[in-house]
Amino acid sequence: MNDQELEILLNNMESDRVERKTSISDRGKLCEVICAFANDLPNHQKSGVLFIGVNDNGTCANLTIDDKLLLTLSGMRDDGNICLS
């Protein structure tokens, strides 16, 4: 997926392939979104995109991108607990 495709998805308010979160404060919700995209129930056969640091209307939430944020996100990827029940 290239930058132009991501920008189109970011600005598409009605896509079921996109989720926007202002922060990473609710780990459970992030994991649910990742699981839903991985399962691809609508059978889009295309990637879903989770935008972090973005308001529901597509505007920037001014989330600070720092080492702590990046380590938290990479930890979620690596810990094997994305699909929690």
C-alpha atoms as a PDB file:
ATOM      1  CA  MET A   1       0.000   0.000   0.000  1.00  0.00           C
ATOM      2  CA  ASN A   2       1.452   3.351  -0.977  1.00  0.00           C
ATOM      3  CA  ASP A   3       1.067   6.798   0.595  1.00  0.00           C
ATOM      4  CA  GLN A   4      -1.679   7.831  -1.828  1.00  0.00           C
ATOM      5  CA  GLU A   5      -3.776   4.740  -0.994  1.00  0.00           C
ATOM      6  CA  LEU A   6      -3.318   5.407   2.729  1.00  0.00           C
ATOM      7  CA  GLU A   7      -4.396   9.029   2.301  1.00  0.00           C
ATOM      8  CA  ILE A   8      -7.532   7.940   0.442  1.00  0.00           C
ATOM      9  CA  LEU A   9      -8.387   5.492   3.229  1.00  0.00           C
ATOM     10  CA  LEU A  10      -7.682   8.108   5.905  1.00  0.00           C
ATOM     11  CA  ASN A  11     -10.127  10.518   4.288  1.00  0.00           C
ATOM     12  CA  ASN A  12     -12.822   7.894   3.582  1.00  0.00           C
ATOM     13  CA  MET A  13     -15.170   8.224   6.564  1.00  0.00           C
ATOM     14  CA  GLU A  14     -17.330   5.219   5.613  1.00  0.00           C
ATOM     15  CA  SER A  15     -14.769   2.452   5.046  1.00  0.00           C
ATOM     16  CA  ASP A  16     -14.942  -0.769   7.045  1.00  0.00           C
ATOM     17  CA  ARG A  17     -11.250  -1.239   6.251  1.00  0.00           C
ATOM     18  CA  VAL A  18     -10.250   1.731   8.421  1.00  0.00           C
ATOM     19  CA  GLU A  19     -10.234   2.397  12.141  1.00  0.00           C
ATOM     20  CA  ARG A  20      -9.004   5.619  13.729  1.00  0.00           C
ATOM     21  CA  LYS A  21      -7.793   5.903  17.325  1.00  0.00           C
ATOM     22  CA  THR A  22      -6.628   9.084  19.012  1.00  0.00           C
ATOM     23  CA  SER A  23      -4.290   7.193  21.340  1.00  0.00           C
ATOM     24  CA  ILE A  24      -3.206   3.733  22.446  1.00  0.00           C
ATOM     25  CA  SER A  25      -4.836   4.046  25.869  1.00  0.00           C
ATOM     26  CA  ASP A  26      -7.345   1.232  25.238  1.00  0.00           C
ATOM     27  CA  ARG A  27      -5.174  -1.738  24.339  1.00  0.00           C
ATOM     28  CA  GLY A  28      -8.192  -4.054  24.221  1.00  0.00           C
ATOM     29  CA  LYS A  29      -9.876  -2.001  21.490  1.00  0.00           C
ATOM     30  CA  LEU A  30      -6.667  -1.883  19.460  1.00  0.00           C
ATOM     31  CA  CYS A  31      -6.367  -5.656  19.687  1.00  0.00           C
ATOM     32  CA  GLU A  32     -10.013  -6.115  18.643  1.00  0.00           C
ATOM     33  CA  VAL A  33      -9.453  -3.977  15.554  1.00  0.00           C
ATOM     34  CA  ILE A  34      -6.311  -5.863  14.579  1.00  0.00           C
ATOM     35  CA  CYS A  35      -8.136  -9.182  15.019  1.00  0.00           C
ATOM     36  CA  ALA A  36     -11.084  -8.023  12.942  1.00  0.00           C
ATOM     37  CA  PHE A  37      -8.825  -6.888  10.127  1.00  0.00           C
ATOM     38  CA  ALA A  38      -6.883 -10.163  10.274  1.00  0.00           C
ATOM     39  CA  ASN A  39     -10.115 -12.164   9.963  1.00  0.00           C
ATOM     40  CA  ASP A  40     -11.358 -10.071   6.972  1.00  0.00           C
ATOM     41  CA  LEU A  41     -14.992 -11.120   7.481  1.00  0.00           C
ATOM     42  CA  PRO A  42     -16.239  -8.877   4.624  1.00  0.00           C
ATOM     43  CA  ASN A  43     -13.753 -10.757   2.419  1.00  0.00           C
ATOM     44  CA  HIS A  44     -12.193  -7.607   0.969  1.00  0.00           C
ATOM     45  CA  GLN A  45      -8.938  -9.496   0.435  1.00  0.00           C
ATOM     46  CA  LYS A  46      -7.225  -6.166   1.118  1.00  0.00           C
ATOM     47  CA  SER A  47      -5.450  -4.804   4.147  1.00  0.00           C
ATOM     48  CA  GLY A  48      -7.314  -3.010   6.887  1.00  0.00           C
ATOM     49  CA  VAL A  49      -5.607   0.050   8.343  1.00  0.00           C
ATOM     50  CA  LEU A  50      -5.494   1.182  11.949  1.00  0.00           C
ATOM     51  CA  PHE A  51      -4.550   4.854  12.130  1.00  0.00           C
ATOM     52  CA  ILE A  52      -3.262   5.797  15.574  1.00  0.00           C
ATOM     53  CA  GLY A  53      -3.145   9.472  16.488  1.00  0.00           C
ATOM     54  CA  VAL A  54      -6.116  10.346  14.286  1.00  0.00           C
ATOM     55  CA  ASN A  55      -9.557  11.631  15.313  1.00  0.00           C
ATOM     56  CA  ASP A  56     -12.727  10.004  13.949  1.00  0.00           C
ATOM     57  CA  ASN A  57     -13.092  12.840  11.441  1.00  0.00           C
ATOM     58  CA  GLY A  58      -9.618  12.151  10.005  1.00  0.00           C
ATOM     59  CA  THR A  59      -7.851  15.081  11.631  1.00  0.00           C
ATOM     60  CA  CYS A  60      -4.608  14.800  13.564  1.00  0.00           C
ATOM     61  CA  ALA A  61      -5.042  14.118  17.292  1.00  0.00           C
ATOM     62  CA  ASN A  62      -1.596  15.582  18.027  1.00  0.00           C
ATOM     63  CA  LEU A  63      -0.357  12.362  19.586  1.00  0.00           C
ATOM     64  CA  THR A  64       3.302  12.614  20.489  1.00  0.00           C
ATOM     65  CA  ILE A  65       5.306  10.024  18.570  1.00  0.00           C
ATOM     66  CA  ASP A  66       8.092   9.059  20.928  1.00  0.00           C
ATOM     67  CA  ASP A  67      10.125   6.004  21.867  1.00  0.00           C
ATOM     68  CA  LYS A  68       7.571   4.944  24.487  1.00  0.00           C
ATOM     69  CA  LEU A  69       4.747   4.884  21.933  1.00  0.00           C
ATOM     70  CA  LEU A  70       6.816   3.002  19.377  1.00  0.00           C
ATOM     71  CA  LEU A  71       8.016   0.477  21.973  1.00  0.00           C
ATOM     72  CA  THR A  72       4.441  -0.089  23.147  1.00  0.00           C
ATOM     73  CA  LEU A  73       3.230  -0.726  19.595  1.00  0.00           C
ATOM     74  CA  SER A  74       6.111  -3.038  18.758  1.00  0.00           C
ATOM     75  CA  GLY A  75       5.538  -4.853  22.043  1.00  0.00           C
ATOM     76  CA  MET A  76       1.920  -5.485  21.055  1.00  0.00           C
ATOM     77  CA  ARG A  77       3.131  -6.983  17.813  1.00  0.00           C
ATOM     78  CA  ASP A  78       5.656  -9.216  19.517  1.00  0.00           C
ATOM     79  CA  ASP A  79       3.844 -10.415  22.644  1.00  0.00           C
ATOM     80  CA  GLY A  80       1.485 -12.802  20.826  1.00  0.00           C
ATOM     81  CA  ASN A  81      -1.634 -11.520  22.634  1.00  0.00           C
ATOM     82  CA  ILE A  82      -3.345  -9.587  19.864  1.00  0.00           C
ATOM     83  CA  CYS A  83      -6.459 -11.776  19.735  1.00  0.00           C
ATOM     84  CA  LEU A  84      -7.534 -11.843  23.355  1.00  0.00           C
ATOM     85  CA  SER A  85     -10.884 -13.292  24.292  1.00  0.00           C
END
